Structures are given as structure tokens and as C-alpha cells.
């Protein structure tokens, strides 16, 4: 069984931060507005809740209360340096894909094939759920599209980073 003690602090940081960065990067790729952002937050929370009830001990460990708090603090620190709101999306997308690559390399080196597969599935699921959580460009839920062009583009980048096929 793979646990936190199998990884260096830097590897664990990447594993812990990747899910939240994927959620934030996917949300930033669309323009959901207030209600859409709330729905995207609930989608992320739902995925985390399912992971906590799941069978994979490593993934459950990633979503411990203290781990989530530490990831949020580190990500906030990174985002403080973003010069303006327009740069936020690209910064989050790069941080997410770089962190995903680091996390997958750590899992490949120190984890099992099942760990790698479960982590890939988790990240793919987070991206898909956030992208599908709200309609982009709608007014009070009418019109718009389920997954925006920006979200589709990021999900394609994520799929490439995950080493898998199409996401969404």
C-alpha cells in the first residue's frame, strides 16, 4: 500500500496540489459567473467526498482535512504573484499541467500501476465534472453551452498531460 511516507515532500506536494489545481484551472478556463463558479465548487467538493469514501487509501490520504488546507495555502501563495486577472487562467493551467506531470512521475517511480490509474481517473473526473457543472454564457441557466471552448481546450491539454485520450 502506497502512502505519504513513500514520497519526498516535493512529490507529496505535487500529488496533494494537483487535484485542486486541475479544478481551478478548469474553472478559470470557462467564464461561469457567480452561480457557475458555485456549481463548479460543488462539483469539486462532490468528487473529493466520493474519493474519501472510496477504496484507494492513497487518494483518501490526499484529501485529509490538513492536506486540503495545505494545498489551498500553497496555491493561494502562488496566485498572489499573478499580476492581473487576465493572466490567472494561463498561470493556473501551466501550474496544473506541470504539477500533474510531477505527480504522475512520482507515482510511476514510487507507487503502483493501480495508484497511477486511480490518480489519472481522479484528475480526469475532476476536470470533467467542473467543466460540466454549469452552462457557460447562459442567462439564469438558459442558453449557453455545457462546456465552453476554453474548458474543452484545457481538458485536451489535461488529457495529454495525463497520457490518456480525450477528456470530456
N, C-alpha and C. Protein backbone atom coordinates (compact mmCIF):
# COMPACT_ATOMS: atom_id res chain seq x y z
N UNK A 1 0.85 -1.18 0.00
CA UNK A 1 0.00 0.00 0.00
C UNK A 1 0.89 1.24 0.00
N UNK A 2 0.66 2.13 -0.95
CA UNK A 2 1.43 3.35 -1.08
C UNK A 2 0.83 4.42 -0.18
N UNK A 3 1.70 5.10 0.59
CA UNK A 3 1.24 6.17 1.48
C UNK A 3 2.16 7.38 1.34
N UNK A 4 1.83 8.41 2.06
CA UNK A 4 2.61 9.66 2.04
C UNK A 4 4.09 9.40 2.32
N UNK A 5 4.40 8.47 3.21
CA UNK A 5 5.79 8.23 3.59
C UNK A 5 6.64 7.67 2.46
N UNK A 6 6.00 7.24 1.38
CA UNK A 6 6.73 6.72 0.22
C UNK A 6 7.25 7.83 -0.69
N UNK A 7 6.89 9.07 -0.42
CA UNK A 7 7.23 10.18 -1.30
C UNK A 7 8.06 11.23 -0.59
N UNK A 8 8.86 11.96 -1.38
CA UNK A 8 9.57 13.11 -0.83
C UNK A 8 8.55 14.21 -0.57
N UNK A 9 8.90 15.21 0.23
CA UNK A 9 7.96 16.31 0.47
C UNK A 9 7.53 17.00 -0.83
N UNK A 10 8.43 17.16 -1.78
CA UNK A 10 8.09 17.81 -3.05
C UNK A 10 7.14 16.95 -3.87
N UNK A 11 7.36 15.64 -3.87
CA UNK A 11 6.46 14.75 -4.60
C UNK A 11 5.07 14.76 -3.97
N UNK A 12 5.02 14.70 -2.64
CA UNK A 12 3.74 14.72 -1.95
C UNK A 12 3.00 16.03 -2.22
N UNK A 13 3.72 17.12 -2.24
CA UNK A 13 3.13 18.43 -2.53
C UNK A 13 2.47 18.40 -3.91
N UNK A 14 3.14 17.84 -4.90
CA UNK A 14 2.56 17.75 -6.24
C UNK A 14 1.32 16.87 -6.25
N UNK A 15 1.38 15.73 -5.59
CA UNK A 15 0.23 14.84 -5.52
C UNK A 15 -0.96 15.52 -4.84
N UNK A 16 -0.68 16.22 -3.76
CA UNK A 16 -1.72 16.87 -2.98
C UNK A 16 -2.32 18.07 -3.72
N UNK A 17 -1.50 18.83 -4.42
CA UNK A 17 -1.97 20.05 -5.07
C UNK A 17 -2.62 19.82 -6.43
N UNK A 18 -2.25 18.75 -7.11
CA UNK A 18 -2.73 18.53 -8.48
C UNK A 18 -4.26 18.53 -8.59
N UNK A 19 -5.00 17.82 -7.74
CA UNK A 19 -6.46 17.83 -7.90
C UNK A 19 -7.07 19.22 -7.80
N UNK A 20 -6.60 20.01 -6.84
CA UNK A 20 -7.17 21.35 -6.68
C UNK A 20 -6.75 22.27 -7.82
N UNK A 21 -5.53 22.11 -8.30
CA UNK A 21 -5.10 22.92 -9.44
C UNK A 21 -5.88 22.57 -10.69
N UNK A 22 -6.16 21.29 -10.90
CA UNK A 22 -6.97 20.89 -12.06
C UNK A 22 -8.36 21.52 -11.96
N UNK A 23 -8.96 21.47 -10.79
CA UNK A 23 -10.29 22.07 -10.61
C UNK A 23 -10.25 23.57 -10.88
N UNK A 24 -9.28 24.26 -10.33
CA UNK A 24 -9.19 25.71 -10.52
C UNK A 24 -8.89 26.08 -11.97
N UNK A 25 -7.98 25.35 -12.60
CA UNK A 25 -7.63 25.64 -13.99
C UNK A 25 -8.81 25.40 -14.92
N UNK A 26 -9.58 24.35 -14.66
CA UNK A 26 -10.76 24.08 -15.48
C UNK A 26 -11.79 25.18 -15.30
N UNK A 27 -12.02 25.58 -14.06
CA UNK A 27 -12.99 26.64 -13.78
C UNK A 27 -12.54 27.96 -14.41
N UNK A 28 -11.27 28.26 -14.33
CA UNK A 28 -10.76 29.52 -14.89
C UNK A 28 -10.80 29.52 -16.42
N UNK A 29 -10.80 28.34 -17.03
CA UNK A 29 -10.84 28.26 -18.49
C UNK A 29 -12.20 28.66 -19.04
N UNK A 30 -13.24 28.55 -18.22
CA UNK A 30 -14.58 28.97 -18.62
C UNK A 30 -14.90 30.30 -17.97
N UNK A 31 -16.03 30.82 -18.28
CA UNK A 31 -16.45 32.08 -17.68
C UNK A 31 -17.85 31.86 -17.14
N UNK A 32 -17.90 31.26 -15.96
CA UNK A 32 -19.16 30.77 -15.42
C UNK A 32 -19.97 31.80 -14.66
N UNK A 33 -19.36 32.86 -14.24
CA UNK A 33 -20.09 33.80 -13.40
C UNK A 33 -20.24 33.26 -11.99
N UNK A 34 -20.92 33.99 -11.17
CA UNK A 34 -21.05 33.64 -9.76
C UNK A 34 -21.72 32.29 -9.55
N UNK A 35 -22.89 32.07 -10.15
CA UNK A 35 -23.62 30.83 -9.92
C UNK A 35 -22.88 29.64 -10.52
N UNK A 36 -22.28 29.83 -11.67
CA UNK A 36 -21.49 28.77 -12.28
C UNK A 36 -20.28 28.40 -11.44
N UNK A 37 -19.64 29.41 -10.87
CA UNK A 37 -18.49 29.14 -10.02
C UNK A 37 -18.89 28.36 -8.77
N UNK A 38 -20.06 28.68 -8.23
CA UNK A 38 -20.56 27.93 -7.08
C UNK A 38 -20.80 26.48 -7.48
N UNK A 39 -21.41 26.25 -8.64
CA UNK A 39 -21.67 24.90 -9.12
C UNK A 39 -20.36 24.15 -9.34
N UNK A 40 -19.37 24.83 -9.87
CA UNK A 40 -18.07 24.19 -10.08
C UNK A 40 -17.41 23.82 -8.75
N UNK A 41 -17.57 24.67 -7.77
CA UNK A 41 -17.06 24.36 -6.43
C UNK A 41 -17.74 23.13 -5.84
N UNK A 42 -19.05 23.05 -6.02
CA UNK A 42 -19.78 21.87 -5.54
C UNK A 42 -19.35 20.61 -6.29
N UNK A 43 -19.07 20.75 -7.58
CA UNK A 43 -18.61 19.59 -8.36
C UNK A 43 -17.29 19.08 -7.81
N UNK A 44 -16.39 19.99 -7.49
CA UNK A 44 -15.10 19.60 -6.92
C UNK A 44 -15.30 18.95 -5.56
N UNK A 45 -16.11 19.57 -4.73
CA UNK A 45 -16.37 19.02 -3.39
C UNK A 45 -16.99 17.64 -3.47
N UNK A 46 -17.89 17.43 -4.42
CA UNK A 46 -18.52 16.13 -4.59
C UNK A 46 -17.51 15.07 -4.99
N UNK A 47 -16.60 15.42 -5.86
CA UNK A 47 -15.56 14.48 -6.28
C UNK A 47 -14.66 14.12 -5.10
N UNK A 48 -14.31 15.11 -4.30
CA UNK A 48 -13.48 14.86 -3.12
C UNK A 48 -14.22 13.97 -2.13
N UNK A 49 -15.51 14.25 -1.91
CA UNK A 49 -16.29 13.43 -0.98
C UNK A 49 -16.35 11.98 -1.45
N UNK A 50 -16.52 11.76 -2.74
CA UNK A 50 -16.52 10.39 -3.27
C UNK A 50 -15.17 9.73 -3.07
N UNK A 51 -14.10 10.49 -3.30
CA UNK A 51 -12.76 9.93 -3.13
C UNK A 51 -12.52 9.53 -1.68
N UNK A 52 -13.03 10.31 -0.76
CA UNK A 52 -12.87 9.99 0.66
C UNK A 52 -13.63 8.72 1.06
N UNK A 53 -14.70 8.42 0.35
CA UNK A 53 -15.46 7.20 0.61
C UNK A 53 -14.94 6.01 -0.20
N UNK A 54 -13.99 6.27 -1.09
CA UNK A 54 -13.52 5.23 -2.00
C UNK A 54 -12.58 4.22 -1.34
N UNK A 55 -12.13 3.29 -2.16
CA UNK A 55 -11.28 2.19 -1.70
C UNK A 55 -9.79 2.49 -1.73
N UNK A 56 -9.39 3.59 -2.37
CA UNK A 56 -7.98 3.86 -2.56
C UNK A 56 -7.42 4.65 -1.37
N UNK A 57 -6.59 4.02 -0.54
CA UNK A 57 -6.08 4.71 0.66
C UNK A 57 -5.20 5.91 0.34
N UNK A 58 -4.43 5.84 -0.74
CA UNK A 58 -3.57 6.97 -1.10
C UNK A 58 -4.42 8.18 -1.45
N UNK A 59 -5.44 7.99 -2.25
CA UNK A 59 -6.30 9.11 -2.63
C UNK A 59 -7.05 9.64 -1.42
N UNK A 60 -7.50 8.77 -0.54
CA UNK A 60 -8.15 9.24 0.69
C UNK A 60 -7.18 10.09 1.51
N UNK A 61 -5.94 9.67 1.57
CA UNK A 61 -4.93 10.42 2.33
C UNK A 61 -4.69 11.80 1.71
N UNK A 62 -4.75 11.90 0.40
CA UNK A 62 -4.55 13.18 -0.29
C UNK A 62 -5.60 14.21 0.10
N UNK A 63 -6.79 13.72 0.47
CA UNK A 63 -7.90 14.62 0.76
C UNK A 63 -8.21 14.75 2.25
N UNK A 64 -7.25 14.44 3.09
CA UNK A 64 -7.42 14.70 4.51
C UNK A 64 -7.57 16.20 4.74
N UNK A 65 -8.25 16.56 5.79
CA UNK A 65 -8.53 17.98 6.08
C UNK A 65 -7.25 18.84 6.06
N UNK A 66 -6.21 18.37 6.72
CA UNK A 66 -4.96 19.14 6.77
C UNK A 66 -4.28 19.22 5.40
N UNK A 67 -4.41 18.16 4.62
CA UNK A 67 -3.80 18.16 3.28
C UNK A 67 -4.51 19.16 2.37
N UNK A 68 -5.83 19.19 2.45
CA UNK A 68 -6.58 20.15 1.64
C UNK A 68 -6.22 21.58 2.04
N UNK A 69 -6.15 21.81 3.32
CA UNK A 69 -5.79 23.15 3.80
C UNK A 69 -4.39 23.55 3.34
N UNK A 70 -3.44 22.63 3.44
CA UNK A 70 -2.07 22.93 3.00
C UNK A 70 -2.03 23.23 1.50
N UNK A 71 -2.75 22.44 0.71
CA UNK A 71 -2.78 22.68 -0.74
C UNK A 71 -3.37 24.05 -1.04
N UNK A 72 -4.46 24.40 -0.38
CA UNK A 72 -5.08 25.70 -0.60
C UNK A 72 -4.14 26.84 -0.25
N UNK A 73 -3.43 26.71 0.86
CA UNK A 73 -2.49 27.75 1.26
C UNK A 73 -1.36 27.91 0.25
N UNK A 74 -0.83 26.79 -0.24
CA UNK A 74 0.25 26.86 -1.22
C UNK A 74 -0.23 27.46 -2.54
N UNK A 75 -1.41 27.08 -2.97
CA UNK A 75 -1.94 27.60 -4.22
C UNK A 75 -2.24 29.10 -4.09
N UNK A 76 -2.79 29.50 -2.97
CA UNK A 76 -3.04 30.93 -2.74
C UNK A 76 -1.74 31.71 -2.82
N UNK A 77 -0.67 31.16 -2.24
CA UNK A 77 0.63 31.82 -2.28
C UNK A 77 1.11 32.00 -3.71
N UNK A 78 0.90 31.00 -4.53
CA UNK A 78 1.30 31.07 -5.94
C UNK A 78 0.49 32.13 -6.67
N UNK A 79 -0.80 32.21 -6.38
CA UNK A 79 -1.68 33.12 -7.11
C UNK A 79 -1.52 34.57 -6.69
N UNK A 80 -0.94 34.80 -5.52
CA UNK A 80 -0.71 36.18 -5.08
C UNK A 80 0.23 36.91 -6.03
N UNK A 81 1.09 36.18 -6.71
CA UNK A 81 2.07 36.79 -7.60
C UNK A 81 1.54 37.03 -9.01
N UNK A 82 0.31 36.63 -9.29
CA UNK A 82 -0.26 36.82 -10.62
C UNK A 82 -0.57 38.30 -10.79
N UNK A 83 -0.03 38.92 -11.85
CA UNK A 83 -0.14 40.38 -11.98
C UNK A 83 -1.56 40.90 -12.20
N UNK A 84 -2.39 40.18 -12.95
CA UNK A 84 -3.76 40.64 -13.17
C UNK A 84 -4.67 39.46 -13.46
N UNK A 85 -5.95 39.72 -13.39
CA UNK A 85 -6.95 38.66 -13.55
C UNK A 85 -6.86 37.97 -14.90
N UNK A 86 -6.50 38.68 -15.95
CA UNK A 86 -6.40 38.10 -17.29
C UNK A 86 -5.32 37.02 -17.35
N UNK A 87 -4.31 37.15 -16.52
CA UNK A 87 -3.22 36.17 -16.52
C UNK A 87 -3.52 34.95 -15.67
N UNK A 88 -4.59 34.99 -14.90
CA UNK A 88 -4.90 33.93 -13.97
C UNK A 88 -5.10 32.57 -14.65
N UNK A 89 -5.91 32.54 -15.70
CA UNK A 89 -6.19 31.28 -16.40
C UNK A 89 -4.93 30.59 -16.90
N UNK A 90 -4.11 31.28 -17.68
CA UNK A 90 -2.88 30.65 -18.17
C UNK A 90 -1.93 30.22 -17.05
N UNK A 91 -1.84 31.02 -15.98
CA UNK A 91 -0.98 30.65 -14.85
C UNK A 91 -1.49 29.37 -14.19
N UNK A 92 -2.80 29.29 -13.97
CA UNK A 92 -3.38 28.09 -13.36
C UNK A 92 -3.22 26.87 -14.26
N UNK A 93 -3.42 27.05 -15.55
CA UNK A 93 -3.29 25.92 -16.47
C UNK A 93 -1.86 25.38 -16.50
N UNK A 94 -0.89 26.28 -16.53
CA UNK A 94 0.51 25.84 -16.53
C UNK A 94 0.85 25.17 -15.20
N UNK A 95 0.43 25.77 -14.10
CA UNK A 95 0.68 25.17 -12.78
C UNK A 95 0.04 23.79 -12.69
N UNK A 96 -1.18 23.66 -13.20
CA UNK A 96 -1.88 22.37 -13.14
C UNK A 96 -1.14 21.32 -13.96
N UNK A 97 -0.81 21.63 -15.20
CA UNK A 97 -0.16 20.61 -16.05
C UNK A 97 1.24 20.27 -15.55
N UNK A 98 1.98 21.26 -15.07
CA UNK A 98 3.31 20.97 -14.52
C UNK A 98 3.20 20.10 -13.27
N UNK A 99 2.24 20.41 -12.42
CA UNK A 99 2.05 19.66 -11.18
C UNK A 99 1.57 18.25 -11.47
N UNK A 100 0.67 18.10 -12.44
CA UNK A 100 0.21 16.78 -12.85
C UNK A 100 1.38 15.93 -13.32
N UNK A 101 2.25 16.52 -14.14
CA UNK A 101 3.41 15.77 -14.65
C UNK A 101 4.32 15.33 -13.51
N UNK A 102 4.58 16.21 -12.56
CA UNK A 102 5.41 15.88 -11.40
C UNK A 102 4.76 14.78 -10.57
N UNK A 103 3.47 14.90 -10.33
CA UNK A 103 2.75 13.92 -9.51
C UNK A 103 2.74 12.54 -10.19
N UNK A 104 2.48 12.51 -11.50
CA UNK A 104 2.46 11.23 -12.20
C UNK A 104 3.85 10.58 -12.23
N UNK A 105 4.88 11.39 -12.37
CA UNK A 105 6.25 10.86 -12.35
C UNK A 105 6.55 10.27 -10.97
N UNK A 106 6.12 10.93 -9.92
CA UNK A 106 6.33 10.42 -8.56
C UNK A 106 5.59 9.11 -8.36
N UNK A 107 4.35 9.06 -8.82
CA UNK A 107 3.57 7.82 -8.68
C UNK A 107 4.18 6.68 -9.49
N UNK A 108 4.65 7.00 -10.68
CA UNK A 108 5.25 5.97 -11.53
C UNK A 108 6.52 5.41 -10.87
N UNK A 109 7.27 6.29 -10.18
CA UNK A 109 8.53 5.87 -9.57
C UNK A 109 8.33 5.16 -8.23
N UNK A 110 7.33 5.57 -7.47
CA UNK A 110 7.21 5.07 -6.09
C UNK A 110 5.90 4.36 -5.77
N UNK A 111 4.94 4.50 -6.65
CA UNK A 111 3.64 3.89 -6.40
C UNK A 111 3.45 2.64 -7.24
N UNK A 112 2.23 2.22 -7.32
CA UNK A 112 1.88 1.05 -8.12
C UNK A 112 1.16 1.50 -9.38
N UNK A 113 1.01 0.58 -10.32
CA UNK A 113 0.25 0.89 -11.53
C UNK A 113 -1.19 1.26 -11.18
N UNK A 114 -1.73 0.60 -10.16
CA UNK A 114 -3.09 0.91 -9.72
C UNK A 114 -3.17 2.33 -9.16
N UNK A 115 -2.13 2.78 -8.45
CA UNK A 115 -2.09 4.15 -7.94
C UNK A 115 -2.11 5.15 -9.09
N UNK A 116 -1.31 4.88 -10.10
CA UNK A 116 -1.23 5.79 -11.27
C UNK A 116 -2.59 5.85 -11.95
N UNK A 117 -3.20 4.70 -12.18
CA UNK A 117 -4.50 4.66 -12.85
C UNK A 117 -5.57 5.37 -12.04
N UNK A 118 -5.58 5.15 -10.73
CA UNK A 118 -6.59 5.80 -9.88
C UNK A 118 -6.40 7.31 -9.85
N UNK A 119 -5.16 7.76 -9.82
CA UNK A 119 -4.88 9.20 -9.79
C UNK A 119 -5.27 9.84 -11.10
N UNK A 120 -4.92 9.20 -12.20
CA UNK A 120 -5.33 9.72 -13.52
C UNK A 120 -6.85 9.83 -13.60
N UNK A 121 -7.54 8.78 -13.17
CA UNK A 121 -9.00 8.78 -13.23
C UNK A 121 -9.58 9.89 -12.35
N UNK A 122 -9.00 10.10 -11.19
CA UNK A 122 -9.45 11.16 -10.29
C UNK A 122 -9.32 12.53 -10.96
N UNK A 123 -8.15 12.81 -11.52
CA UNK A 123 -7.92 14.12 -12.14
C UNK A 123 -8.82 14.31 -13.36
N UNK A 124 -8.99 13.27 -14.14
CA UNK A 124 -9.87 13.33 -15.31
C UNK A 124 -11.30 13.63 -14.84
N UNK A 125 -11.74 12.94 -13.79
CA UNK A 125 -13.08 13.13 -13.27
C UNK A 125 -13.29 14.54 -12.75
N UNK A 126 -12.32 15.07 -12.04
CA UNK A 126 -12.43 16.45 -11.54
C UNK A 126 -12.57 17.42 -12.70
N UNK A 127 -11.72 17.30 -13.71
CA UNK A 127 -11.81 18.19 -14.86
C UNK A 127 -13.15 18.11 -15.55
N UNK A 128 -13.63 16.89 -15.79
CA UNK A 128 -14.91 16.71 -16.47
C UNK A 128 -16.08 17.26 -15.65
N UNK A 129 -16.08 16.98 -14.36
CA UNK A 129 -17.19 17.44 -13.52
C UNK A 129 -17.22 18.96 -13.41
N UNK A 130 -16.07 19.57 -13.26
CA UNK A 130 -16.04 21.03 -13.16
C UNK A 130 -16.49 21.64 -14.49
N UNK A 131 -16.01 21.11 -15.60
CA UNK A 131 -16.39 21.65 -16.91
C UNK A 131 -17.89 21.50 -17.17
N UNK A 132 -18.48 20.43 -16.69
CA UNK A 132 -19.90 20.16 -16.93
C UNK A 132 -20.82 20.70 -15.84
N UNK A 133 -20.28 21.37 -14.86
CA UNK A 133 -21.07 21.80 -13.70
C UNK A 133 -22.05 22.92 -14.01
N UNK A 134 -21.73 23.75 -14.98
CA UNK A 134 -22.63 24.86 -15.28
C UNK A 134 -22.55 25.19 -16.77
N UNK A 135 -23.54 25.92 -17.21
CA UNK A 135 -23.55 26.35 -18.61
C UNK A 135 -22.77 27.66 -18.71
N UNK A 136 -21.93 27.71 -19.71
CA UNK A 136 -21.14 28.91 -19.96
C UNK A 136 -21.92 29.81 -20.91
N UNK A 137 -21.97 31.09 -20.62
CA UNK A 137 -22.63 32.05 -21.50
C UNK A 137 -24.15 32.01 -21.41
N UNK A 138 -24.68 31.46 -20.32
CA UNK A 138 -26.13 31.40 -20.19
C UNK A 138 -26.62 32.56 -19.34
N UNK A 139 -27.93 32.74 -19.39
CA UNK A 139 -28.56 33.75 -18.54
C UNK A 139 -29.57 33.01 -17.67
N UNK A 140 -29.32 32.96 -16.36
CA UNK A 140 -30.17 32.27 -15.41
C UNK A 140 -30.42 30.81 -15.81
N UNK A 141 -29.37 30.20 -16.39
CA UNK A 141 -29.46 28.78 -16.74
C UNK A 141 -30.03 28.51 -18.12
N UNK A 142 -30.42 29.56 -18.87
CA UNK A 142 -30.98 29.37 -20.20
C UNK A 142 -29.93 29.70 -21.25
N UNK A 143 -29.86 28.86 -22.26
CA UNK A 143 -28.91 29.10 -23.34
C UNK A 143 -27.51 28.70 -22.92
N UNK A 144 -26.55 29.16 -23.66
CA UNK A 144 -25.17 28.85 -23.37
C UNK A 144 -24.82 27.43 -23.76
N UNK A 145 -23.62 27.03 -23.39
CA UNK A 145 -23.15 25.68 -23.70
C UNK A 145 -22.64 25.02 -22.44
N UNK A 146 -22.75 23.71 -22.39
CA UNK A 146 -22.37 22.96 -21.19
C UNK A 146 -20.87 23.09 -20.92
N UNK A 147 -20.05 22.89 -21.93
CA UNK A 147 -18.60 23.00 -21.78
C UNK A 147 -18.11 24.05 -22.77
N UNK A 148 -17.47 25.08 -22.26
CA UNK A 148 -17.02 26.18 -23.12
C UNK A 148 -15.80 25.77 -23.94
N UNK A 149 -15.51 26.56 -24.94
CA UNK A 149 -14.34 26.30 -25.78
C UNK A 149 -13.06 26.32 -24.94
N UNK A 150 -12.95 27.28 -24.02
CA UNK A 150 -11.77 27.34 -23.16
C UNK A 150 -11.63 26.10 -22.29
N UNK A 151 -12.74 25.62 -21.77
CA UNK A 151 -12.70 24.39 -20.96
C UNK A 151 -12.32 23.19 -21.83
N UNK A 152 -12.89 23.10 -23.03
CA UNK A 152 -12.52 22.00 -23.93
C UNK A 152 -11.03 22.02 -24.24
N UNK A 153 -10.50 23.21 -24.47
CA UNK A 153 -9.07 23.33 -24.77
C UNK A 153 -8.23 22.87 -23.57
N UNK A 154 -8.61 23.32 -22.37
CA UNK A 154 -7.84 22.89 -21.20
C UNK A 154 -7.97 21.40 -20.97
N UNK A 155 -9.17 20.84 -21.13
CA UNK A 155 -9.34 19.40 -20.94
C UNK A 155 -8.51 18.60 -21.93
N UNK A 156 -8.33 19.11 -23.13
CA UNK A 156 -7.45 18.43 -24.10
C UNK A 156 -6.00 18.47 -23.63
N UNK A 157 -5.58 19.60 -23.09
CA UNK A 157 -4.22 19.72 -22.54
C UNK A 157 -4.06 18.77 -21.36
N UNK A 158 -5.09 18.72 -20.51
CA UNK A 158 -5.06 17.83 -19.35
C UNK A 158 -4.97 16.37 -19.80
N UNK A 159 -5.76 16.00 -20.79
CA UNK A 159 -5.72 14.62 -21.29
C UNK A 159 -4.33 14.27 -21.78
N UNK A 160 -3.69 15.21 -22.44
CA UNK A 160 -2.31 14.97 -22.90
C UNK A 160 -1.36 14.81 -21.72
N UNK A 161 -1.52 15.67 -20.71
CA UNK A 161 -0.67 15.58 -19.52
C UNK A 161 -0.89 14.27 -18.77
N UNK A 162 -2.12 13.78 -18.81
CA UNK A 162 -2.44 12.52 -18.14
C UNK A 162 -1.99 11.31 -18.94
N UNK A 163 -1.62 11.55 -20.19
CA UNK A 163 -1.19 10.44 -21.02
C UNK A 163 -2.35 9.56 -21.43
N UNK A 164 -3.49 10.18 -21.65
CA UNK A 164 -4.69 9.43 -21.99
C UNK A 164 -5.36 10.06 -23.19
N UNK A 165 -6.48 9.50 -23.55
CA UNK A 165 -7.27 10.02 -24.66
C UNK A 165 -8.07 11.23 -24.26
N UNK A 166 -9.08 11.48 -25.02
CA UNK A 166 -9.93 12.66 -24.87
C UNK A 166 -10.60 12.70 -23.50
N UNK A 167 -10.66 13.87 -22.93
CA UNK A 167 -11.37 14.11 -21.67
C UNK A 167 -12.56 14.99 -22.01
N UNK A 168 -13.72 14.73 -21.36
CA UNK A 168 -14.98 15.49 -21.53
C UNK A 168 -15.76 14.96 -22.66
